[in-house]
Protein backbone atom coordinates (compact mmCIF):
# COMPACT_ATOMS: atom_id res chain seq x y z
CA MET A 1 251.88 62.28 -170.93
CA GLU A 2 249.34 59.48 -170.13
CA ILE A 3 247.98 60.00 -166.62
CA PRO A 4 247.78 56.94 -164.59
CA HIS A 5 244.47 56.17 -163.04
CA ILE A 6 244.84 57.15 -159.25
CA THR A 7 241.90 57.74 -156.83
CA ILE A 8 242.38 61.18 -155.14
CA ASP A 9 240.37 62.45 -152.51
CA SER A 10 238.47 65.93 -153.15
CA SER A 11 240.49 67.31 -150.19
CA ASN A 12 243.69 66.56 -152.02
CA PRO A 13 245.23 69.74 -153.75
CA LEU A 14 246.06 67.39 -156.76
CA TYR A 15 242.13 66.92 -157.37
CA LEU A 16 240.56 68.66 -160.23
CA HIS A 17 236.76 69.13 -160.13
CA PRO A 18 235.04 67.98 -163.54
CA SER A 19 233.82 71.61 -163.93
CA ASP A 20 237.30 73.04 -163.81
CA HIS A 21 238.82 73.83 -166.93
CA PRO A 22 241.60 76.26 -168.28
CA GLY A 23 239.17 78.74 -169.43
CA MET A 24 238.00 79.61 -166.19
CA ILE A 25 238.04 83.24 -164.96
CA LEU A 26 238.54 83.20 -161.18
CA VAL A 27 238.86 87.13 -160.60
CA SER A 28 236.44 89.39 -162.49
CA LYS A 29 238.97 92.23 -162.93
CA LEU A 30 241.81 92.04 -165.21
CA PHE A 31 245.15 93.03 -163.75
CA ASP A 32 246.87 95.66 -165.85
CA ARG A 33 249.87 96.75 -163.66
CA ASN A 34 247.50 98.84 -161.35
CA GLY A 35 246.18 97.81 -157.94
CA TYR A 36 248.31 94.74 -157.63
CA GLY A 37 247.63 94.51 -153.80
CA ALA A 38 243.93 94.00 -154.41
CA TRP A 39 244.29 91.66 -157.52
CA LYS A 40 246.68 89.47 -155.37
CA ARG A 41 244.28 89.34 -152.62
CA ALA A 42 241.28 88.51 -154.79
CA MET A 43 243.41 85.67 -156.83
CA SER A 44 244.66 84.06 -153.36
CA ILE A 45 241.22 83.80 -152.30
CA ALA A 46 240.06 82.26 -155.26
CA LEU A 47 242.81 79.79 -155.52
CA SER A 48 242.54 78.97 -151.73
CA ALA A 49 238.73 78.23 -152.32
CA LYS A 50 239.71 75.84 -155.21
CA ASN A 51 242.26 74.09 -152.95
CA LYS A 52 245.28 75.21 -154.97
CA LEU A 53 247.02 77.76 -152.71
CA GLY A 54 249.99 75.28 -152.16
CA PHE A 55 250.92 75.79 -155.95
CA ILE A 56 251.88 79.36 -155.25
CA ASN A 57 253.55 79.26 -151.80
CA ASN A 58 255.31 76.21 -152.62
CA THR A 59 253.44 73.87 -149.93
CA VAL A 60 252.59 71.67 -152.73
CA PRO A 61 256.20 71.25 -154.73
CA MET A 62 256.73 69.13 -157.80
CA PRO A 63 256.53 65.45 -156.42
CA ALA A 64 259.52 63.05 -156.92
CA ASN A 65 257.05 60.11 -157.27
CA GLN A 66 256.36 59.68 -161.08
CA THR A 67 253.00 58.39 -160.24
CA HIS A 68 251.90 61.93 -159.06
CA LEU A 69 254.15 63.84 -161.22
CA ALA A 70 251.49 63.77 -164.10
CA LEU A 71 248.79 64.86 -161.73
CA TRP A 72 250.85 67.65 -160.21
CA GLN A 73 251.78 68.83 -163.87
CA ARG A 74 248.02 68.76 -164.90
CA CYS A 75 247.00 71.02 -161.59
CA ASN A 76 250.06 73.23 -162.21
CA ASP A 77 249.18 74.06 -165.74
CA MET A 78 245.51 74.58 -164.57
CA VAL A 79 246.59 77.14 -161.98
CA ILE A 80 248.79 78.81 -164.66
CA SER A 81 245.83 79.12 -167.01
CA TRP A 82 243.68 80.73 -164.29
CA ILE A 83 246.30 83.28 -163.42
CA LEU A 84 247.05 84.18 -167.05
CA ASN A 85 243.26 84.54 -167.72
CA THR A 86 243.23 87.40 -165.26
CA LEU A 87 246.14 89.18 -166.61
CA ASN A 88 245.94 91.97 -169.44
CA HIS A 89 247.54 91.13 -172.90
CA ASP A 90 250.93 92.88 -172.22
CA VAL A 91 251.40 91.24 -168.48
CA CYS A 92 250.43 88.00 -169.80
CA ASP A 93 252.95 88.11 -172.63
CA SER A 94 255.71 88.81 -169.98
CA VAL A 95 255.05 85.64 -167.99
CA LEU A 96 253.51 83.32 -170.56
CA TYR A 97 256.81 81.10 -170.59
CA ALA A 98 256.91 80.48 -166.73
CA GLU A 99 256.85 76.86 -166.11
CA ALA A 100 255.89 76.43 -162.58
CA THR A 101 252.98 78.20 -160.87
CA GLN A 102 255.31 79.44 -158.22
CA ASN A 103 257.80 80.95 -160.35
CA LEU A 104 255.27 82.98 -162.36
CA TRP A 105 253.82 83.99 -158.94
CA ASN A 106 257.06 85.19 -157.68
CA GLU A 107 257.95 87.00 -161.02
CA LEU A 108 254.53 89.10 -160.66
CA ASN A 109 255.37 89.96 -156.89
CA SER A 110 258.91 91.19 -157.78
CA ARG A 111 257.63 93.12 -160.49
CA TYR A 112 254.66 94.68 -159.13
CA GLY A 113 254.38 93.85 -155.59
CA GLN A 114 257.30 96.21 -154.23
CA VAL A 115 256.29 98.88 -152.07
CA SER A 116 256.49 102.34 -154.00
CA GLY A 117 256.72 105.62 -152.34
CA ALA A 118 254.70 106.85 -155.31
CA ARG A 119 251.85 104.55 -154.66
CA VAL A 120 251.74 105.25 -151.13
CA TYR A 121 251.53 108.96 -151.99
CA GLN A 122 248.88 108.67 -154.74
CA LEU A 123 246.59 106.71 -152.09
CA GLN A 124 247.16 109.26 -149.46
CA LYS A 125 246.27 111.90 -151.97
CA ASN A 126 242.99 110.30 -152.85
CA LEU A 127 242.05 110.10 -149.52
CA TYR A 128 242.38 113.61 -148.98
CA GLN A 129 240.22 114.36 -152.22
CA ILE A 130 237.52 112.08 -151.42
CA SER A 131 234.37 113.60 -150.54
CA GLN A 132 230.65 112.39 -150.30
CA GLU A 133 229.14 115.17 -152.66
CA SER A 134 226.38 113.46 -154.57
CA SER A 135 227.13 109.94 -153.48
CA ASP A 136 225.25 108.00 -150.84
CA ILE A 137 226.96 106.88 -147.84
CA ALA A 138 227.47 103.46 -148.96
CA THR A 139 229.20 104.49 -152.18
CA TYR A 140 231.47 107.19 -150.23
CA PHE A 141 232.45 104.64 -147.66
CA ALA A 142 233.16 102.18 -150.16
CA LYS A 143 235.71 104.67 -151.99
CA MET A 144 237.46 105.23 -148.83
CA LYS A 145 237.81 101.72 -147.83
CA SER A 146 239.24 100.68 -150.86
CA ASN A 147 241.88 103.09 -150.41
CA TRP A 148 242.46 102.25 -146.71
CA ASP A 149 242.72 98.38 -147.59
CA GLU A 150 245.48 98.89 -150.17
CA LEU A 151 247.36 101.02 -147.75
CA ASN A 152 247.08 98.27 -145.22
CA VAL A 153 248.97 95.81 -147.63
CA VAL A 154 251.74 98.00 -148.41
CA ASN A 155 251.99 99.39 -144.63
CA SER A 156 251.68 96.22 -142.89
CA ILE A 157 252.51 96.11 -139.12
CA PRO A 158 254.70 93.47 -137.88
CA SER A 159 252.92 90.90 -135.98
CA SER A 160 255.79 90.87 -133.14
CA MET A 161 254.78 94.15 -131.86
CA CYS A 162 251.95 92.69 -129.83
CA GLY A 163 250.65 95.56 -127.50
CA ALA A 164 252.35 98.22 -129.61
CA ALA A 165 250.83 97.28 -132.74
CA HIS A 166 247.33 97.01 -130.97
CA ALA A 167 247.59 100.69 -129.91
CA PHE A 168 248.94 101.79 -133.38
CA ALA A 169 246.17 100.17 -135.12
CA LYS A 170 243.65 101.93 -132.75
CA ARG A 171 245.29 105.14 -133.49
CA LYS A 172 245.48 104.52 -137.31
CA GLU A 173 241.77 103.68 -137.18
CA ASP A 174 240.89 106.70 -135.23
CA GLN A 175 242.44 108.70 -137.91
CA ARG A 176 240.60 107.07 -140.67
CA LEU A 177 237.51 107.68 -138.87
CA ILE A 178 238.04 111.54 -138.79
CA GLN A 179 238.92 111.47 -142.48
CA PHE A 180 235.43 109.61 -143.37
CA LEU A 181 233.44 112.14 -141.04
CA VAL A 182 235.57 115.18 -142.65
CA GLY A 183 234.34 114.15 -146.26
CA LEU A 184 230.63 114.05 -145.18
CA ASN A 185 228.10 116.43 -146.62
CA PRO A 186 226.89 119.21 -144.29
CA SER A 187 223.45 117.48 -143.72
CA TYR A 188 225.20 114.91 -141.46
CA ASP A 189 226.70 117.75 -138.96
CA MET A 190 224.58 116.84 -135.94
CA ILE A 191 225.20 113.00 -136.21
CA ARG A 192 228.86 113.63 -136.99
CA SER A 193 228.89 115.70 -133.79
CA ASN A 194 227.80 113.13 -132.03
CA ILE A 195 229.93 110.65 -132.91
CA LEU A 196 233.11 113.04 -132.37
CA MET A 197 232.07 113.55 -128.84
CA THR A 198 231.86 109.65 -128.11
CA GLN A 199 234.93 108.65 -125.96
CA PRO A 200 236.86 106.52 -126.99
CA PHE A 201 235.94 106.85 -130.65
CA PRO A 202 233.95 104.28 -132.15
CA SER A 203 235.03 102.00 -134.82
CA ILE A 204 234.63 103.04 -138.45
CA ASP A 205 232.20 100.03 -138.94
CA TYR A 206 230.25 101.47 -135.99
CA ALA A 207 230.16 104.85 -137.11
CA TYR A 208 229.06 103.62 -140.86
CA GLY A 209 226.16 101.56 -139.31
CA ILE A 210 224.79 104.74 -137.40
CA LEU A 211 224.89 106.67 -140.58
CA ILE A 212 223.34 104.00 -142.62
CA GLN A 213 220.56 103.77 -139.91
CA ASP A 214 220.34 107.74 -139.87
CA ASP A 215 219.59 107.59 -143.79
CA LYS A 216 216.82 104.72 -143.55
CA GLN A 217 215.10 106.90 -140.84
CA LYS A 218 215.18 109.90 -143.15
CA GLU A 219 213.80 107.88 -145.87
CA ILE A 220 211.01 106.68 -143.65
CA HIS A 221 210.35 110.20 -142.87
CA ALA A 222 210.15 111.51 -146.03
CA THR A 223 207.85 108.72 -147.16
CA THR A 224 205.57 109.57 -144.48
CA ILE A 225 205.28 113.12 -145.38
CA ASP A 226 204.81 112.20 -149.22
CA PHE A 227 202.04 109.66 -148.27
CA THR A 228 200.25 112.32 -145.96
CA ALA A 229 200.32 115.07 -148.49
CA SER A 230 199.07 112.67 -151.30
CA SER A 231 196.21 111.52 -149.12
CA ALA A 232 195.24 115.02 -148.19
CA SER A 233 195.17 116.11 -152.05
CA MET A 234 192.99 113.24 -152.65
CA HIS A 235 190.68 113.83 -149.92
CA VAL A 236 190.25 117.37 -151.31
CA ASN A 237 189.76 116.10 -154.75
CA THR A 238 187.05 113.71 -153.56
CA ARG A 239 184.94 116.43 -151.98
CA GLY A 240 183.09 117.19 -155.18
CA PRO A 241 182.19 120.65 -156.73
CA VAL A 242 181.04 123.71 -154.59
CA SER A 243 177.39 124.08 -153.95
CA ASP A 244 175.17 126.89 -153.31
CA GLY A 245 173.17 124.94 -150.83
CA THR A 246 170.48 123.64 -153.16
CA GLY A 247 172.52 120.92 -154.73
CA GLU A 248 173.24 123.26 -157.63
CA ASN A 249 176.88 123.77 -158.89
CA LYS A 250 177.92 127.38 -158.26
CA ARG A 251 180.85 127.31 -161.15
CA ASN A 252 177.99 126.75 -163.69
CA LEU A 253 175.42 129.23 -162.36
CA VAL A 254 174.76 132.71 -164.16
CA CYS A 255 172.09 135.17 -162.96
CA THR A 256 169.71 136.00 -165.58
CA HIS A 257 168.93 139.49 -163.81
CA CYS A 258 172.38 141.03 -163.03
CA LYS A 259 174.34 138.80 -165.55
CA ARG A 260 177.01 137.57 -162.76
CA ASN A 261 178.33 134.16 -162.19
CA GLY A 262 177.92 132.20 -159.14
CA HIS A 263 174.43 132.28 -158.26
CA SER A 264 170.93 131.87 -159.55
CA LEU A 265 168.04 134.20 -160.04
CA SER A 266 166.31 132.98 -156.91
CA LYS A 267 169.53 134.07 -154.83
CA CYS A 268 170.38 137.53 -156.70
CA TYR A 269 170.78 140.05 -153.85
CA LYS A 270 169.51 142.67 -156.22
CA LEU A 271 166.04 141.26 -156.50
CA ILE A 272 165.88 139.76 -152.71
CA GLY A 273 167.86 142.39 -151.00
CA PHE A 274 171.01 142.41 -149.56
CA PRO A 275 171.95 140.84 -145.94
CA LYS A 276 172.28 143.62 -143.12
CA ASP A 277 175.88 142.12 -142.63
CA PHE A 278 176.75 142.17 -146.27
CA LYS A 279 180.09 143.80 -146.82
CA PHE A 280 180.66 145.96 -150.07
CA ASN A 281 183.82 146.25 -151.70
CA LYS A 282 183.05 149.62 -153.21
CA GLY A 283 182.10 151.75 -150.21
CA LYS A 284 178.96 153.08 -148.71
CA LYS A 285 177.96 155.01 -151.93
CA PHE A 286 177.44 151.70 -153.74
CA ALA A 287 175.94 150.10 -150.69
CA ASN A 288 173.25 152.67 -150.44
CA LEU A 289 172.73 152.63 -154.31
CA ALA A 290 172.52 148.90 -154.08
CA LYS A 291 169.74 149.02 -151.39
CA ASP A 292 167.90 151.62 -153.06
CA GLN A 293 167.82 149.82 -156.26
CA GLY A 294 166.71 146.57 -154.20
CA LYS A 295 163.70 148.59 -152.65
CA GLY A 296 162.79 149.92 -156.16
CA ASP A 297 162.81 146.62 -157.65
CA HIS A 298 160.55 145.25 -154.90
CA ASN A 299 158.22 148.02 -155.30
């Protein structure tokens, strides 16, 4: 069908940017029958950014005006292509022949968007089994939050509850804060106790921020210790060889009289005599013998 030339503003849902094409992939992760809530959320955001959300919620229905019908059909087919590109082979084949974007979207919702007791059970089980172990705080928190977010989708609170909804949301967040703190490693016992003693409980985001700051402080402290130890080691290594006071390296000296290492002939106690405060390792007998030998050598 030839599309008549019509000037359309970029804010119009029927407008397509020159860079838009059917092969675009708006969501990086393919939907494979698992995690429909997360996929739906990501796709809705992407279509909203493209100003095409009206094609799935029926706020941009098929126009009766023949002038705009061709433009609508082109945009409808483009959005269908974008959605199909994010479905795995089996799911894609099952909705391939949907003629309108809204029909395709409704079919996916009715098939995968129903709240399943088994899925709620699995999400709750995941939360009980997740613990920090070898993960850092950011990775551990991301695992918890992905399950919390999906539970929010399947267990949404009616907006008409007003004040009751606020109280229920606070209670739910407190429970999730405790879940998060329970899974932390023992090295966080002190900061965990401080958070639990706060009344009322802080938000999960606030507690997460405190833990991240604590990790940063530990990294700075560890870096300072490593730097100090490294500097001390370098200082020792640059002091040079041990000298006997004459500028000679004691490790390289060998006495030609007693044949022992560590001193020269001019420093040999057997020749020049032992100091009065010299401590002998082999007792008084050896000391007297050494002194007599020293006197004999001088005589």
